[in-house]
Amino acid sequence: MSERAAVALALLLLASPAAAEPRVTLLDLPFRVTQLRDAGSEAALAVTTAGLPQLPRKAGPVAVAWGATGAAVLTLTGDTITVVPLSLDAIEGLTAGETPKGALPGTRRVLSGPVSAYLSGPRSGPDGRPGAAGVTLRERQKVTMSADPKPVPVATATVPPGAGAVFSAETLRPVEIDGALNLLALSEHPEGTGLAVIGRQDGAWRVRAETPPEPGPLALAADLPGPVPGAVLVRGAEGRLEQWSLAGGTPARTAKSAEGKGFSAPGATLGSELVVASRDRTALAYVSLKGLAERARVTLPAPVGAGLAVMGNRVVVALADGRLATVQDGDARP
């Protein structure tokens, strides 16, 4: 290559836009965060429908954070995340229904239209860890219009995990399959743990299908809504990712992460990518949902603590030391 050509190539490379490194910013909060809920949570729904005068009339995506001495709502307007303080009394009132009577302690229910569901019936799993004997579903029934007010009837059903099994003490995930509501749960059997798909079959709620149980830890990193619904699991002590299609209600593994790439829950979808904690929880990785190839990774000021929430193209992370950080990646697309 001639000297002139080499200089031209160097100038071209300098002029080419490089991939932007994800940027971490700490939010200024006067309390230590121990709980974080994303926009799809019951807490966020309660906040956005409570008519709080502190919130903008047309708030964008909302997340909720609180701790022992304070609480706040996070709102996104354009590229700006705004912290709106809330009193502890307000947040306690708005989140009182997260763990209904009879629910497994430390878990919370999920809402989807007229259906609410939660883990119920404390029971030890095959390895002695706390689990649940069932998933309880409560569904509001239609009421005939009349001049006299009537209570809304509610149908209740409890789904068992199967003989010798328990449901793991992990939050349920609602997902739509073939136009109908289904729930994702982890079920622990003597031979291992798998992903259970709970749905209505022949008019009754039941476990419709499961992935084959395998020994070792298992966590649900994210559910994947869309025309081809799915789920991403974190499997084994090495923390490998597995992507499963749930089309037709029959789980089928479609991809797994490369050897030597370890991850851990929590995770969340951001457009065509999964944002997930590294195995030691000290970093966030951006992983393509086509083949589970990692695109970028950013080191955090402290390990991931209470969880994370996606707001637009930002990721809000509750850190183990009680601080709250936002991660912005210029190449991420919501």
Protein backbone atom coordinates (compact mmCIF):
# COMPACT_ATOMS: atom_id res chain seq x y z
CA MET A 1 0.00 0.00 0.00
CA SER A 2 1.36 3.44 -0.95
CA GLU A 3 1.96 6.07 1.72
CA ARG A 4 -0.83 8.21 0.25
CA ALA A 5 -3.30 5.29 0.34
CA ALA A 6 -2.36 4.47 3.94
CA VAL A 7 -2.96 8.07 5.02
CA ALA A 8 -6.34 8.08 3.22
CA LEU A 9 -7.38 4.84 4.95
CA ALA A 10 -6.39 6.21 8.37
CA LEU A 11 -8.41 9.37 7.79
CA LEU A 12 -11.40 7.29 6.70
CA LEU A 13 -11.22 5.19 9.85
CA LEU A 14 -10.99 8.29 12.02
CA ALA A 15 -14.01 9.81 10.31
CA SER A 16 -16.14 6.64 10.62
CA PRO A 17 -18.60 6.68 13.55
CA ALA A 18 -17.44 4.22 16.20
CA ALA A 19 -19.89 2.22 18.27
CA ALA A 20 -20.72 4.28 21.34
CA GLU A 21 -19.74 2.73 24.67
CA PRO A 22 -22.66 2.34 27.10
CA ARG A 23 -22.63 5.16 29.65
CA VAL A 24 -23.46 4.76 33.34
CA THR A 25 -24.96 7.61 35.38
CA LEU A 26 -25.90 7.53 39.06
CA LEU A 27 -29.26 9.04 40.04
CA ASP A 28 -29.36 11.29 43.09
CA LEU A 29 -31.71 9.70 45.62
CA PRO A 30 -31.85 10.48 49.37
CA PHE A 31 -32.52 6.84 50.33
CA ARG A 32 -31.12 3.35 49.72
CA VAL A 33 -33.14 1.42 47.13
CA THR A 34 -34.22 -2.08 48.14
CA GLN A 35 -37.15 -2.49 45.71
CA LEU A 36 -37.47 -1.60 42.01
CA ARG A 37 -40.49 -2.23 39.78
CA ASP A 38 -40.69 -1.76 36.03
CA ALA A 39 -43.47 -0.30 33.88
CA GLY A 40 -45.27 -3.64 33.59
CA SER A 41 -45.60 -4.17 37.34
CA GLU A 42 -48.67 -3.79 39.52
CA ALA A 43 -46.85 -1.06 41.47
CA ALA A 44 -46.27 1.01 38.32
CA LEU A 45 -49.88 0.51 37.23
CA ALA A 46 -51.10 1.65 40.66
CA VAL A 47 -48.91 4.75 40.52
CA THR A 48 -49.99 5.78 37.03
CA THR A 49 -53.71 5.34 37.78
CA ALA A 50 -53.72 6.93 41.25
CA GLY A 51 -53.96 10.50 39.95
CA LEU A 52 -50.91 11.65 41.89
CA PRO A 53 -50.52 15.42 41.49
CA GLN A 54 -46.71 15.14 41.49
CA LEU A 55 -46.66 13.24 38.19
CA PRO A 56 -46.85 14.90 34.76
CA ARG A 57 -50.23 14.55 33.08
CA LYS A 58 -48.77 12.57 30.19
CA ALA A 59 -45.95 10.61 31.78
CA GLY A 60 -43.90 8.28 29.60
CA PRO A 61 -42.56 4.95 30.87
CA VAL A 62 -42.68 4.78 34.67
CA ALA A 63 -40.62 2.80 37.20
CA VAL A 64 -41.03 2.75 40.97
CA ALA A 65 -38.22 2.51 43.56
CA TRP A 66 -38.30 2.51 47.33
CA GLY A 67 -36.40 1.59 50.46
CA ALA A 68 -36.65 1.79 54.25
CA THR A 69 -36.54 5.60 54.36
CA GLY A 70 -37.99 6.84 51.08
CA ALA A 71 -39.66 6.20 47.74
CA ALA A 72 -39.70 7.69 44.25
CA VAL A 73 -41.32 7.40 40.83
CA LEU A 74 -39.02 7.56 37.81
CA THR A 75 -40.50 9.03 34.63
CA LEU A 76 -38.97 9.33 31.16
CA THR A 77 -39.60 12.39 29.01
CA GLY A 78 -37.57 12.43 25.81
CA ASP A 79 -34.08 11.45 26.95
CA THR A 80 -34.49 12.72 30.51
CA ILE A 81 -35.29 10.57 33.54
CA THR A 82 -37.01 12.59 36.26
CA VAL A 83 -37.11 11.49 39.90
CA VAL A 84 -40.43 12.31 41.62
CA PRO A 85 -40.27 11.78 45.43
CA LEU A 86 -43.12 9.92 47.14
CA SER A 87 -43.85 9.40 50.80
CA LEU A 88 -43.44 5.94 52.28
CA ASP A 89 -47.12 5.98 53.30
CA ALA A 90 -48.10 6.56 49.67
CA ILE A 91 -45.94 3.75 48.28
CA GLU A 92 -47.05 1.34 51.00
CA GLY A 93 -50.67 2.03 50.13
CA LEU A 94 -50.08 1.65 46.39
CA THR A 95 -48.20 -1.64 46.74
CA ALA A 96 -50.27 -3.22 49.52
CA GLY A 97 -51.91 -5.64 47.08
CA GLU A 98 -48.66 -6.99 45.62
CA THR A 99 -48.62 -9.94 48.04
CA PRO A 100 -52.25 -10.91 48.69
CA LYS A 101 -53.44 -13.08 51.57
CA GLY A 102 -52.32 -16.65 51.00
CA ALA A 103 -49.45 -15.73 48.68
CA LEU A 104 -45.98 -17.16 49.21
CA PRO A 105 -44.06 -14.65 51.39
CA GLY A 106 -41.59 -12.55 49.44
CA THR A 107 -43.35 -13.05 46.09
CA ARG A 108 -45.86 -10.83 44.34
CA ARG A 109 -48.84 -11.37 42.11
CA VAL A 110 -49.12 -10.49 38.43
CA LEU A 111 -52.08 -8.85 36.72
CA SER A 112 -53.29 -9.29 33.15
CA GLY A 113 -56.74 -7.96 32.26
CA PRO A 114 -59.33 -9.67 34.48
CA VAL A 115 -56.84 -12.27 35.76
CA SER A 116 -54.55 -12.05 38.78
CA ALA A 117 -52.17 -14.87 39.71
CA TYR A 118 -49.78 -15.59 42.55
CA LEU A 119 -47.74 -18.41 44.09
CA SER A 120 -49.55 -19.98 47.06
CA GLY A 121 -49.13 -22.69 49.68
CA PRO A 122 -45.60 -22.66 51.14
CA ARG A 123 -43.87 -26.02 50.63
CA SER A 124 -40.23 -27.13 50.69
CA GLY A 125 -38.77 -28.21 47.37
CA PRO A 126 -36.80 -31.41 46.70
CA ASP A 127 -33.60 -29.62 47.76
CA GLY A 128 -35.17 -28.14 50.90
CA ARG A 129 -35.52 -24.58 49.57
CA PRO A 130 -38.86 -22.75 50.03
CA GLY A 131 -41.29 -23.20 47.16
CA ALA A 132 -45.02 -23.08 46.41
CA ALA A 133 -47.56 -25.88 46.28
CA GLY A 134 -49.57 -24.11 43.60
CA VAL A 135 -50.37 -21.09 41.47
CA THR A 136 -53.68 -19.47 42.42
CA LEU A 137 -55.58 -17.62 39.69
CA ARG A 138 -58.49 -15.26 40.30
CA GLU A 139 -60.52 -14.14 37.28
CA ARG A 140 -63.21 -11.48 37.33
CA GLN A 141 -66.37 -12.65 35.57
CA LYS A 142 -68.65 -10.62 33.34
CA VAL A 143 -71.59 -8.92 35.05
CA THR A 144 -74.94 -8.33 33.39
CA MET A 145 -75.78 -4.63 33.33
CA SER A 146 -78.66 -3.66 35.62
CA ALA A 147 -79.98 -0.70 37.57
CA ASP A 148 -78.90 -2.26 40.86
CA PRO A 149 -75.21 -2.50 41.72
CA LYS A 150 -73.89 -6.05 41.96
CA PRO A 151 -70.61 -7.45 43.26
CA VAL A 152 -68.28 -8.68 40.53
CA PRO A 153 -68.12 -12.49 40.71
CA VAL A 154 -64.61 -13.96 40.77
CA ALA A 155 -63.68 -17.48 39.71
CA THR A 156 -60.71 -18.97 41.58
CA ALA A 157 -58.52 -21.92 40.55
CA THR A 158 -55.29 -23.34 41.92
CA VAL A 159 -52.87 -25.16 39.63
CA PRO A 160 -50.53 -27.77 41.21
CA PRO A 161 -47.00 -28.31 39.80
CA GLY A 162 -47.31 -32.10 39.62
CA ALA A 163 -46.46 -35.04 41.85
CA GLY A 164 -43.33 -34.51 43.95
CA ALA A 165 -42.73 -31.00 42.54
CA VAL A 166 -43.04 -27.41 43.73
CA PHE A 167 -43.06 -24.08 41.96
CA SER A 168 -39.92 -22.02 42.55
CA ALA A 169 -40.27 -18.85 44.63
CA GLU A 170 -39.82 -16.62 41.56
CA THR A 171 -42.26 -14.04 40.26
CA LEU A 172 -44.65 -15.39 37.63
CA ARG A 173 -44.54 -13.96 34.10
CA PRO A 174 -47.68 -13.47 31.98
CA VAL A 175 -47.27 -14.12 28.25
CA GLU A 176 -49.77 -14.28 25.39
CA ILE A 177 -49.68 -17.49 23.33
CA ASP A 178 -52.02 -17.87 20.36
CA GLY A 179 -54.10 -14.95 21.60
CA ALA A 180 -54.66 -16.39 25.10
CA LEU A 181 -53.09 -15.57 28.46
CA ASN A 182 -50.52 -18.03 29.80
CA LEU A 183 -48.21 -17.88 32.81
CA LEU A 184 -44.56 -18.87 33.05
CA ALA A 185 -43.24 -20.43 36.26
CA LEU A 186 -40.26 -22.55 37.24
CA SER A 187 -41.06 -26.01 38.61
CA GLU A 188 -38.63 -27.99 40.75
CA HIS A 189 -38.71 -31.79 40.46
CA PRO A 190 -36.48 -34.37 42.17
CA GLU A 191 -34.57 -34.76 38.89
CA GLY A 192 -34.13 -31.04 38.27
CA THR A 193 -35.83 -27.74 37.38
CA GLY A 194 -37.73 -26.74 34.25
CA LEU A 195 -39.92 -24.00 32.81
CA ALA A 196 -43.66 -24.62 33.18
CA VAL A 197 -46.29 -23.08 30.88
CA ILE A 198 -49.63 -22.64 32.66
CA GLY A 199 -52.71 -21.99 30.55
CA ARG A 200 -56.35 -22.82 30.05
CA GLN A 201 -56.86 -26.26 28.51
CA ASP A 202 -60.22 -27.97 28.04
CA GLY A 203 -61.80 -25.16 30.05
CA ALA A 204 -59.52 -25.51 33.10
CA TRP A 205 -56.24 -23.92 34.16
CA ARG A 206 -53.36 -26.41 34.26
CA VAL A 207 -49.69 -26.93 33.45
CA ARG A 208 -49.89 -27.27 29.66
CA ALA A 209 -46.24 -28.04 29.00
CA GLU A 210 -42.77 -28.04 30.57
CA THR A 211 -39.18 -27.98 29.42
CA PRO A 212 -37.26 -31.12 30.42
CA PRO A 213 -36.06 -30.71 34.04
CA GLU A 214 -32.28 -30.57 34.42
CA PRO A 215 -30.10 -30.60 37.56
CA GLY A 216 -28.61 -27.32 38.75
CA PRO A 217 -29.92 -23.78 39.26
CA LEU A 218 -32.37 -22.23 36.81
CA ALA A 219 -33.68 -18.66 36.53
CA LEU A 220 -36.07 -16.93 34.15
CA ALA A 221 -34.18 -13.95 32.72
CA ALA A 222 -36.98 -12.56 30.54
CA ASP A 223 -40.21 -13.39 28.77
CA LEU A 224 -40.37 -12.55 25.06
CA PRO A 225 -43.74 -11.18 23.91
CA GLY A 226 -44.69 -10.96 20.25
CA PRO A 227 -46.04 -13.07 17.36
CA VAL A 228 -43.61 -15.84 18.36
CA PRO A 229 -43.59 -15.67 22.17
CA GLY A 230 -40.66 -17.10 24.06
CA ALA A 231 -38.49 -17.03 27.15
CA VAL A 232 -34.81 -16.72 28.00
CA LEU A 233 -33.52 -18.92 30.83
CA VAL A 234 -30.24 -18.80 32.77
CA ARG A 235 -29.15 -22.40 33.28
CA GLY A 236 -26.57 -24.04 35.53
CA ALA A 237 -23.77 -22.78 37.77
CA GLU A 238 -21.93 -21.46 34.71
CA GLY A 239 -24.90 -19.24 33.82
CA ARG A 240 -25.50 -20.13 30.18
CA LEU A 241 -28.41 -18.50 28.36
CA GLU A 242 -31.07 -20.58 26.65
CA GLN A 243 -33.76 -19.17 24.37
CA TRP A 244 -37.02 -21.10 24.09
CA SER A 245 -39.89 -20.61 21.67
CA LEU A 246 -43.36 -21.01 23.19
CA ALA A 247 -45.34 -21.00 19.93
CA GLY A 248 -48.37 -23.25 20.23
CA GLY A 249 -47.71 -23.65 23.94
CA THR A 250 -44.97 -26.22 23.27
CA PRO A 251 -41.49 -25.11 24.44
CA ALA A 252 -38.68 -25.65 21.94
CA ARG A 253 -35.08 -24.51 22.50
CA THR A 254 -33.91 -22.28 19.67
CA ALA A 255 -30.52 -20.96 20.85
CA LYS A 256 -27.98 -21.01 23.66
CA SER A 257 -25.09 -18.71 24.53
CA ALA A 258 -21.49 -19.44 23.62
CA GLU A 259 -19.25 -21.44 25.94
CA GLY A 260 -17.49 -19.33 28.56
CA LYS A 261 -20.13 -16.59 28.53
CA GLY A 262 -21.74 -16.55 31.97
CA PHE A 263 -24.85 -14.56 32.93
CA SER A 264 -27.38 -14.27 35.73
CA ALA A 265 -30.91 -12.97 36.19
CA PRO A 266 -32.34 -10.35 36.22
CA GLY A 267 -32.78 -9.48 32.57
CA ALA A 268 -35.20 -7.58 30.35
CA THR A 269 -35.86 -7.12 26.65
CA LEU A 270 -34.86 -3.90 24.91
CA GLY A 271 -36.03 -4.03 21.31
CA SER A 272 -34.26 -6.93 19.58
CA GLU A 273 -31.85 -7.43 22.47
CA LEU A 274 -31.74 -8.86 25.96
CA VAL A 275 -30.14 -6.78 28.70
CA VAL A 276 -28.90 -9.18 31.37
CA ALA A 277 -26.55 -9.20 34.35
CA SER A 278 -23.16 -10.88 34.08
CA ARG A 279 -22.62 -14.04 36.13
CA ASP A 280 -20.94 -12.10 38.96
CA ARG A 281 -23.58 -9.33 38.59
CA THR A 282 -20.91 -6.60 38.28
CA ALA A 283 -21.81 -5.73 34.68
CA LEU A 284 -24.69 -5.55 32.20
CA ALA A 285 -24.49 -7.30 28.84
CA TYR A 286 -26.44 -6.47 25.67
CA VAL A 287 -27.22 -9.79 23.96
CA SER A 288 -28.91 -10.24 20.58
CA LEU A 289 -32.13 -12.25 20.62
CA LYS A 290 -31.03 -13.75 17.31
CA GLY A 291 -28.47 -16.32 18.34
CA LEU A 292 -27.72 -14.91 21.83
CA ALA A 293 -24.47 -13.24 20.71
CA GLU A 294 -23.19 -10.55 23.09
CA ARG A 295 -22.76 -7.09 21.49
CA ALA A 296 -21.61 -4.91 24.36
CA ARG A 297 -20.90 -5.01 28.08
CA VAL A 298 -20.67 -2.23 30.67
CA THR A 299 -19.17 -2.43 34.16
CA LEU A 300 -21.38 -1.09 36.95
CA PRO A 301 -20.29 0.93 40.03
CA ALA A 302 -21.52 -1.95 42.24
CA PRO A 303 -23.13 -5.35 41.64
CA VAL A 304 -26.78 -5.57 40.54
CA GLY A 305 -29.08 -5.64 43.57
CA ALA A 306 -32.88 -5.46 43.58
CA GLY A 307 -33.26 -5.64 39.79
CA LEU A 308 -33.53 -3.56 36.66
CA ALA A 309 -36.14 -1.79 34.55
CA VAL A 310 -36.11 -0.69 30.89
CA MET A 311 -37.28 2.86 30.17
CA GLY A 312 -37.08 3.74 26.47
CA ASN A 313 -33.47 2.99 25.51
CA ARG A 314 -32.29 3.42 29.11
CA VAL A 315 -31.82 0.67 31.67
CA VAL A 316 -32.37 1.59 35.33
CA VAL A 317 -30.42 -0.68 37.70
CA ALA A 318 -30.85 -1.01 41.46
CA LEU A 319 -27.35 -1.69 42.80
CA ALA A 320 -26.50 -3.89 45.77
CA ASP A 321 -25.23 -0.89 47.76
CA GLY A 322 -28.62 0.84 47.50
CA ARG A 323 -27.74 3.29 44.74
CA LEU A 324 -29.69 3.62 41.50
CA ALA A 325 -27.88 3.82 38.15
CA THR A 326 -29.00 4.39 34.58
CA VAL A 327 -27.22 2.83 31.61
CA GLN A 328 -27.55 4.42 28.18
CA ASP A 329 -26.25 2.68 25.08
CA GLY A 330 -26.31 4.70 21.88
CA ASP A 331 -26.65 1.55 19.79
CA ALA A 332 -29.63 0.14 21.72
CA ARG A 333 -33.03 0.56 20.08
CA PRO A 334 -36.25 0.33 22.14
